[in-house]
Structure formats: C-alpha cells, structure tokens
C-alpha atoms as a PDB file:
ATOM      1  CA  MET A   1      -7.337  12.516  -2.274  1.00  0.00           C
ATOM      2  CA  THR A   2      -6.015   9.543  -4.226  1.00  0.00           C
ATOM      3  CA  LYS A   3      -3.121   7.401  -3.049  1.00  0.00           C
ATOM      4  CA  GLU A   4      -0.901   8.964  -5.710  1.00  0.00           C
ATOM      5  CA  GLN A   5      -1.800  12.518  -4.637  1.00  0.00           C
ATOM      6  CA  PHE A   6      -1.265  11.615  -0.983  1.00  0.00           C
ATOM      7  CA  LEU A   7       2.164  10.069  -1.573  1.00  0.00           C
ATOM      8  CA  ALA A   8       3.223  12.877  -3.933  1.00  0.00           C
ATOM      9  CA  LYS A   9       3.091  15.220  -0.918  1.00  0.00           C
ATOM     10  CA  ASN A  10       5.844  13.176   0.778  1.00  0.00           C
ATOM     11  CA  PRO A  11       3.950  12.453   4.004  1.00  0.00           C
ATOM     12  CA  TYR A  12       5.958  11.747   7.148  1.00  0.00           C
ATOM     13  CA  VAL A  13       6.400   8.025   7.850  1.00  0.00           C
ATOM     14  CA  LEU A  14       5.399   7.346  11.440  1.00  0.00           C
ATOM     15  CA  GLU A  15       6.096   3.626  11.621  1.00  0.00           C
ATOM     16  CA  ARG A  16       6.332   0.351   9.747  1.00  0.00           C
ATOM     17  CA  ILE A  17       4.756  -2.816  11.054  1.00  0.00           C
ATOM     18  CA  GLY A  18       5.539  -5.754   8.835  1.00  0.00           C
ATOM     19  CA  ASP A  19       4.786  -4.621   5.279  1.00  0.00           C
ATOM     20  CA  TYR A  20       2.350  -1.924   6.459  1.00  0.00           C
ATOM     21  CA  ILE A  21       3.494   1.703   6.403  1.00  0.00           C
ATOM     22  CA  PHE A  22       1.873   4.369   8.586  1.00  0.00           C
ATOM     23  CA  TYR A  23       1.824   8.024   7.569  1.00  0.00           C
ATOM     24  CA  GLU A  24       0.945  11.332   9.119  1.00  0.00           C
ATOM     25  CA  HIS A  25      -1.467  13.309   6.939  1.00  0.00           C
ATOM     26  CA  PRO A  26       0.679  15.513   4.652  1.00  0.00           C
ATOM     27  CA  ASP A  27      -1.564  18.583   5.018  1.00  0.00           C
ATOM     28  CA  TYR A  28      -3.068  18.292   8.493  1.00  0.00           C
ATOM     29  CA  GLY A  29      -0.345  16.440  10.408  1.00  0.00           C
ATOM     30  CA  ASP A  30      -1.409  15.101  13.796  1.00  0.00           C
ATOM     31  CA  GLU A  31      -4.744  16.924  13.537  1.00  0.00           C
ATOM     32  CA  ALA A  32      -5.912  14.150  11.176  1.00  0.00           C
ATOM     33  CA  PRO A  33      -6.087  10.372  11.587  1.00  0.00           C
ATOM     34  CA  ILE A  34      -3.136   8.165  10.676  1.00  0.00           C
ATOM     35  CA  TYR A  35      -3.079   6.687   7.182  1.00  0.00           C
ATOM     36  CA  MET A  36      -1.879   3.169   6.439  1.00  0.00           C
ATOM     37  CA  LEU A  37      -0.485   1.854   3.156  1.00  0.00           C
ATOM     38  CA  THR A  38      -1.124  -1.877   2.829  1.00  0.00           C
ATOM     39  CA  PRO A  39       1.179  -4.394   1.135  1.00  0.00           C
ATOM     40  CA  SER A  40      -1.342  -4.598  -1.718  1.00  0.00           C
ATOM     41  CA  GLY A  41      -1.080  -0.829  -2.266  1.00  0.00           C
ATOM     42  CA  ASN A  42      -4.316   0.377  -0.674  1.00  0.00           C
ATOM     43  CA  LEU A  43      -4.222   3.611   1.306  1.00  0.00           C
ATOM     44  CA  ILE A  44      -6.524   3.437   4.326  1.00  0.00           C
ATOM     45  CA  ASN A  45      -7.607   6.166   6.736  1.00  0.00           C
ATOM     46  CA  THR A  46      -7.269   4.220   9.989  1.00  0.00           C
ATOM     47  CA  MET A  47      -9.427   6.633  12.013  1.00  0.00           C
ATOM     48  CA  PHE A  48      -6.775   6.359  14.781  1.00  0.00           C
ATOM     49  CA  TYR A  49      -4.913   9.465  15.934  1.00  0.00           C
ATOM     50  CA  ASP A  50      -1.957   7.708  17.565  1.00  0.00           C
ATOM     51  CA  MET A  51      -0.028   4.459  17.128  1.00  0.00           C
ATOM     52  CA  GLY A  52      -0.861   3.016  20.578  1.00  0.00           C
ATOM     53  CA  ASP A  53      -3.363   0.380  19.426  1.00  0.00           C
ATOM     54  CA  PHE A  54      -1.085  -0.623  16.552  1.00  0.00           C
ATOM     55  CA  TYR A  55       1.778  -1.240  18.969  1.00  0.00           C
ATOM     56  CA  GLU A  56      -0.525  -3.291  21.187  1.00  0.00           C
ATOM     57  CA  PHE A  57      -2.318  -5.353  18.520  1.00  0.00           C
ATOM     58  CA  GLY A  58       0.240  -5.225  15.673  1.00  0.00           C
ATOM     59  CA  LEU A  59      -0.437  -7.068  12.461  1.00  0.00           C
ATOM     60  CA  GLU A  60      -3.791  -8.356  13.709  1.00  0.00           C
ATOM     61  CA  LEU A  61      -5.180  -4.800  13.725  1.00  0.00           C
ATOM     62  CA  CYS A  62      -3.562  -4.039  10.361  1.00  0.00           C
ATOM     63  CA  HIS A  63      -5.230  -7.081   8.794  1.00  0.00           C
ATOM     64  CA  GLU A  64      -8.585  -6.178  10.320  1.00  0.00           C
ATOM     65  CA  LEU A  65      -8.466  -2.644   8.910  1.00  0.00           C
ATOM     66  CA  GLU A  66      -7.424  -3.959   5.512  1.00  0.00           C
ATOM     67  CA  ARG A  67     -10.374  -6.363   5.394  1.00  0.00           C
ATOM     68  CA  GLY A  68     -12.690  -3.458   6.198  1.00  0.00           C
END
C-alpha cells in the first residue's frame, strides 16, 4: 500500500513525537505494527506493536528507523 492509499483511509493517529506521526493500521488496527510518517514524508512500518519503546527512546528511535 502506498503512503497516499494508507492516508486516504484516515488511519487513527496514535501519537506525535516531534515531527513524527504514528498511526494504527487503517485495515488491521492493533493486529498490525504501528506505522510512522517521517518529517520528509516517508511512511515506515516500524515493526513495533505498541508505543512503549518510542516513549522510552523518543526521537532517537525515530531517527534510527528513518535511517533504516
């Protein structure tokens, strides 16, 4: 699914950390990993199922996932 298709489904926003936005999957909800939209516009499947690590490591984890 492209970023445009994903966002067109109006996914639920879980959280914002800095300029990063975290979404629940629009079709599978909490049965799928969390998705992150980066400030540069990339949509990333984080492979995380809850926000715990993001709360603990914050922007550092966001930057690491964005770098790949």
